[in-house]
Amino acid sequence: MTSDFAPPADLADRVSRVWRRSGELPAALPQPSVDLLVFADGSLWLTGPETEARTGSLTEPLTGVRLRPGTCASVLGIAADEVPLTGMPFPGSGLADGLRALRAPARPADRAIGQVLQAMRAAPGASVSHHAAAVGLSERQLRRRFLVAVGLSPKAYARVVRLHRAMALARSSSVPDWAEIAVRSGFYDQPHMIAEFRRAVGSSCVRFFQAAAVGG
């Protein structure tokens, strides 16, 4: 079972969604975000951003709070690249404690990284050097600050963004034109897109699209 909810209104700038999962995990794209997990016993964990989809099933219901890029560092005081993919314990117990922690006063956000994230979503095929130059940083500076805010390198984050862009375009069409979708999503070509989907979700974009449609 899969459910997604809008975040509390006062946390909308720090949290993108609250989700609940139980049983078999559905076909899903990797999420390039830090999640605050709430287990059935109330324990809290932070898990790092994904570049490959998780598979399997859950023995107990799981709730997650998906953090926007920068929230982990600016609000929780933890650099996103210090949060392992496998997770780390977080103080408190239950969803209320987790949300309370996310309401703490925040340090100023990294505006340059915010600009790059927005540009990446608009043009996921642009090079890292292009994004760095646009905000007056070297590629090395951009990578270091991006890792702190996001938990992934700019290249890794852009790869996941391209996958999400491709699926959004496919869902917006009654008959997806995969060659056109590849170009519009920032891939070199359709074979490049197919290879990236296989690496991230274990199947081609077409098979993943069909499986996700069946799973709802």
Protein backbone atom coordinates (compact mmCIF):
# COMPACT_ATOMS: atom_id res chain seq x y z
CA MET A 1 0.00 0.00 0.00
CA THR A 2 1.26 3.45 -0.96
CA SER A 3 -0.04 6.82 0.24
CA ASP A 4 1.37 10.31 -0.24
CA PHE A 5 0.30 13.47 1.55
CA ALA A 6 1.08 17.17 1.31
CA PRO A 7 3.30 18.39 4.14
CA PRO A 8 1.99 20.58 6.95
CA ALA A 9 1.53 24.08 5.53
CA ASP A 10 4.16 25.62 7.81
CA LEU A 11 6.75 23.08 6.63
CA ALA A 12 6.07 23.32 2.89
CA ASP A 13 9.39 25.10 2.29
CA ARG A 14 11.29 22.36 4.14
CA VAL A 15 9.33 19.19 3.32
CA SER A 16 8.11 18.11 -0.12
CA ARG A 17 5.77 15.31 1.03
CA VAL A 18 4.85 12.86 3.74
CA TRP A 19 4.48 9.26 2.59
CA ARG A 20 3.39 5.91 3.99
CA ARG A 21 4.33 2.48 2.68
CA SER A 22 3.40 -1.06 3.67
CA GLY A 23 3.78 -4.47 2.10
CA GLU A 24 5.39 -4.89 -1.32
CA LEU A 25 7.19 -1.78 -2.54
CA PRO A 26 5.74 -0.57 -5.87
CA ALA A 27 7.76 0.19 -8.97
CA ALA A 28 9.26 3.59 -8.22
CA LEU A 29 12.05 5.88 -9.32
CA PRO A 30 14.91 6.63 -6.94
CA GLN A 31 14.40 9.76 -4.84
CA PRO A 32 17.41 12.14 -4.64
CA SER A 33 16.36 13.41 -1.21
CA VAL A 34 17.06 12.81 2.46
CA ASP A 35 14.08 11.16 4.19
CA LEU A 36 13.21 11.22 7.88
CA LEU A 37 11.72 7.78 8.55
CA VAL A 38 9.27 6.91 11.31
CA PHE A 39 9.19 3.18 12.08
CA ALA A 40 6.24 1.32 13.59
CA ASP A 41 7.87 1.41 17.04
CA GLY A 42 8.26 5.19 16.80
CA SER A 43 12.02 5.23 16.24
CA LEU A 44 13.34 7.89 13.88
CA TRP A 45 16.00 7.47 11.21
CA LEU A 46 17.48 9.66 8.51
CA THR A 47 18.26 7.97 5.19
CA GLY A 48 20.35 9.39 2.39
CA PRO A 49 19.32 10.20 -1.19
CA GLU A 50 18.94 7.41 -3.72
CA THR A 51 20.42 6.88 -7.17
CA GLU A 52 18.91 3.39 -7.53
CA ALA A 53 15.38 2.33 -6.65
CA ARG A 54 14.70 0.27 -3.55
CA THR A 55 12.89 -3.03 -4.00
CA GLY A 56 11.38 -5.67 -1.72
CA SER A 57 8.67 -5.58 0.89
CA LEU A 58 8.12 -4.07 4.31
CA THR A 59 7.26 -6.25 7.29
CA GLU A 60 5.76 -3.25 9.13
CA PRO A 61 4.22 0.04 7.95
CA LEU A 62 6.71 2.84 7.42
CA THR A 63 6.16 6.61 7.35
CA GLY A 64 8.58 9.00 5.71
CA VAL A 65 9.03 12.74 5.61
CA ARG A 66 10.81 13.75 2.39
CA LEU A 67 13.07 16.73 3.00
CA ARG A 68 13.67 19.39 0.40
CA PRO A 69 17.31 19.89 -0.63
CA GLY A 70 19.13 21.96 1.96
CA THR A 71 16.76 21.20 4.84
CA CYS A 72 18.97 18.55 6.40
CA ALA A 73 21.91 20.93 6.66
CA SER A 74 20.16 24.22 7.36
CA VAL A 75 17.50 22.95 9.80
CA LEU A 76 18.84 19.73 11.31
CA GLY A 77 22.48 20.80 11.25
CA ILE A 78 23.60 17.64 9.45
CA ALA A 79 25.33 17.78 6.07
CA ALA A 80 23.28 15.69 3.66
CA ASP A 81 26.33 13.77 2.45
CA GLU A 82 26.92 12.58 6.02
CA VAL A 83 23.59 10.70 5.99
CA PRO A 84 24.20 7.16 4.73
CA LEU A 85 21.84 5.51 2.28
CA THR A 86 21.29 2.74 4.84
CA GLY A 87 20.27 5.31 7.45
CA MET A 88 21.30 6.68 10.82
CA PRO A 89 19.31 7.08 14.05
CA PHE A 90 17.75 10.46 14.79
CA PRO A 91 16.74 11.70 18.28
CA GLY A 92 13.08 11.50 19.29
CA SER A 93 10.16 9.14 18.90
CA GLY A 94 7.20 9.33 16.55
CA LEU A 95 6.12 11.60 13.73
CA ALA A 96 5.31 14.52 16.06
CA ASP A 97 8.90 14.61 17.33
CA GLY A 98 10.24 14.44 13.79
CA LEU A 99 8.08 17.34 12.62
CA ARG A 100 8.99 19.31 15.73
CA ALA A 101 12.67 18.97 14.85
CA LEU A 102 11.94 20.21 11.34
CA ARG A 103 10.31 23.35 12.78
CA ALA A 104 13.56 24.44 14.44
CA PRO A 105 15.08 27.78 13.43
CA ALA A 106 17.09 27.40 10.23
CA ARG A 107 20.43 28.76 9.19
CA PRO A 108 20.44 30.76 5.94
CA ALA A 109 19.98 28.56 2.89
CA ASP A 110 22.71 28.29 0.25
CA ARG A 111 21.19 30.52 -2.42
CA ALA A 112 23.66 29.50 -5.10
CA ILE A 113 22.75 25.84 -4.69
CA GLY A 114 19.07 26.75 -4.73
CA GLN A 115 19.58 28.48 -8.06
CA VAL A 116 21.46 25.49 -9.46
CA LEU A 117 18.74 23.07 -8.34
CA GLN A 118 16.10 25.17 -10.06
CA ALA A 119 18.21 25.34 -13.22
CA MET A 120 18.81 21.58 -13.17
CA ARG A 121 15.10 20.86 -13.00
CA ALA A 122 14.54 23.21 -15.94
CA ALA A 123 17.46 21.87 -18.00
CA PRO A 124 18.64 18.50 -16.63
CA GLY A 125 20.95 17.96 -19.61
CA ALA A 126 23.12 21.01 -18.96
CA SER A 127 26.71 20.42 -17.85
CA VAL A 128 28.01 20.94 -14.33
CA SER A 129 30.45 23.54 -15.64
CA HIS A 130 27.52 25.48 -17.11
CA HIS A 131 25.66 25.49 -13.78
CA ALA A 132 28.81 26.42 -11.86
CA ALA A 133 29.59 29.35 -14.14
CA ALA A 134 26.01 30.60 -13.89
CA VAL A 135 26.36 31.12 -10.12
CA GLY A 136 30.00 32.21 -10.13
CA LEU A 137 31.51 29.05 -8.64
CA SER A 138 34.19 26.65 -9.78
CA GLU A 139 33.08 23.09 -10.43
CA ARG A 140 34.94 22.00 -7.30
CA GLN A 141 33.18 24.62 -5.15
CA LEU A 142 29.81 23.67 -6.61
CA ARG A 143 30.38 19.98 -5.94
CA ARG A 144 31.42 20.58 -2.32
CA ARG A 145 28.45 22.82 -1.51
CA PHE A 146 26.04 20.64 -3.47
CA LEU A 147 27.06 17.55 -1.48
CA VAL A 148 26.40 19.36 1.80
CA ALA A 149 22.94 20.55 0.70
CA VAL A 150 21.75 17.59 -1.37
CA GLY A 151 23.85 14.57 -0.44
CA LEU A 152 24.69 13.70 -4.05
CA SER A 153 27.13 15.15 -6.54
CA PRO A 154 25.62 17.48 -9.16
CA LYS A 155 26.08 14.80 -11.84
CA ALA A 156 24.39 12.10 -9.77
CA TYR A 157 21.49 14.39 -8.88
CA ALA A 158 21.01 15.40 -12.53
CA ARG A 159 20.89 11.72 -13.56
CA VAL A 160 17.95 11.10 -11.22
CA VAL A 161 16.22 14.33 -12.26
CA ARG A 162 16.38 13.17 -15.90
CA LEU A 163 14.59 9.94 -14.99
CA HIS A 164 11.77 11.83 -13.28
CA ARG A 165 11.52 14.26 -16.18
CA ALA A 166 11.22 11.40 -18.67
CA MET A 167 8.43 9.70 -16.71
CA ALA A 168 6.53 12.96 -16.30
CA LEU A 169 6.66 13.55 -20.06
CA ALA A 170 5.62 9.94 -20.76
CA ARG A 171 2.61 10.24 -18.45
CA SER A 172 1.54 13.46 -20.16
CA SER A 173 1.15 11.72 -23.52
CA SER A 174 -1.38 9.11 -24.63
CA VAL A 175 1.30 7.52 -26.83
CA PRO A 176 4.80 8.38 -25.56
CA ASP A 177 7.40 9.22 -28.19
CA TRP A 178 10.43 7.85 -26.38
CA ALA A 179 13.01 9.32 -28.77
CA GLU A 180 11.57 12.80 -28.25
CA ILE A 181 11.24 12.23 -24.50
CA ALA A 182 14.92 11.30 -24.32
CA VAL A 183 16.01 14.56 -25.93
CA ARG A 184 13.59 16.71 -23.92
CA SER A 185 14.75 15.04 -20.68
CA GLY A 186 18.41 15.83 -21.25
CA PHE A 187 19.68 12.41 -22.38
CA TYR A 188 22.05 12.16 -25.34
CA ASP A 189 19.61 9.87 -27.13
CA GLN A 190 17.13 7.04 -26.52
CA PRO A 191 19.80 4.33 -25.94
CA HIS A 192 21.36 6.55 -23.27
CA MET A 193 17.98 6.92 -21.58
CA ILE A 194 17.33 3.16 -21.69
CA ALA A 195 20.75 2.47 -20.15
CA GLU A 196 20.17 4.98 -17.35
CA PHE A 197 16.78 3.47 -16.51
CA ARG A 198 18.23 -0.03 -16.43
CA ARG A 199 20.94 1.10 -14.04
CA ALA A 200 18.51 2.93 -11.74
CA VAL A 201 15.41 0.70 -11.75
CA GLY A 202 16.54 -2.55 -13.37
CA SER A 203 14.42 -2.25 -16.52
CA SER A 204 14.00 -0.12 -19.61
CA CYS A 205 11.99 3.09 -19.49
CA VAL A 206 9.14 1.46 -21.43
CA ARG A 207 8.87 -1.54 -19.10
CA PHE A 208 9.12 0.68 -16.04
CA PHE A 209 6.40 2.98 -17.41
CA GLN A 210 4.13 0.01 -18.01
CA ALA A 211 4.79 -1.49 -14.57
CA ALA A 212 4.20 1.84 -12.82
CA ALA A 213 0.93 2.28 -14.74
CA VAL A 214 -0.29 -1.16 -13.68
CA GLY A 215 0.72 -0.50 -10.07
CA GLY A 216 -1.21 2.76 -10.06
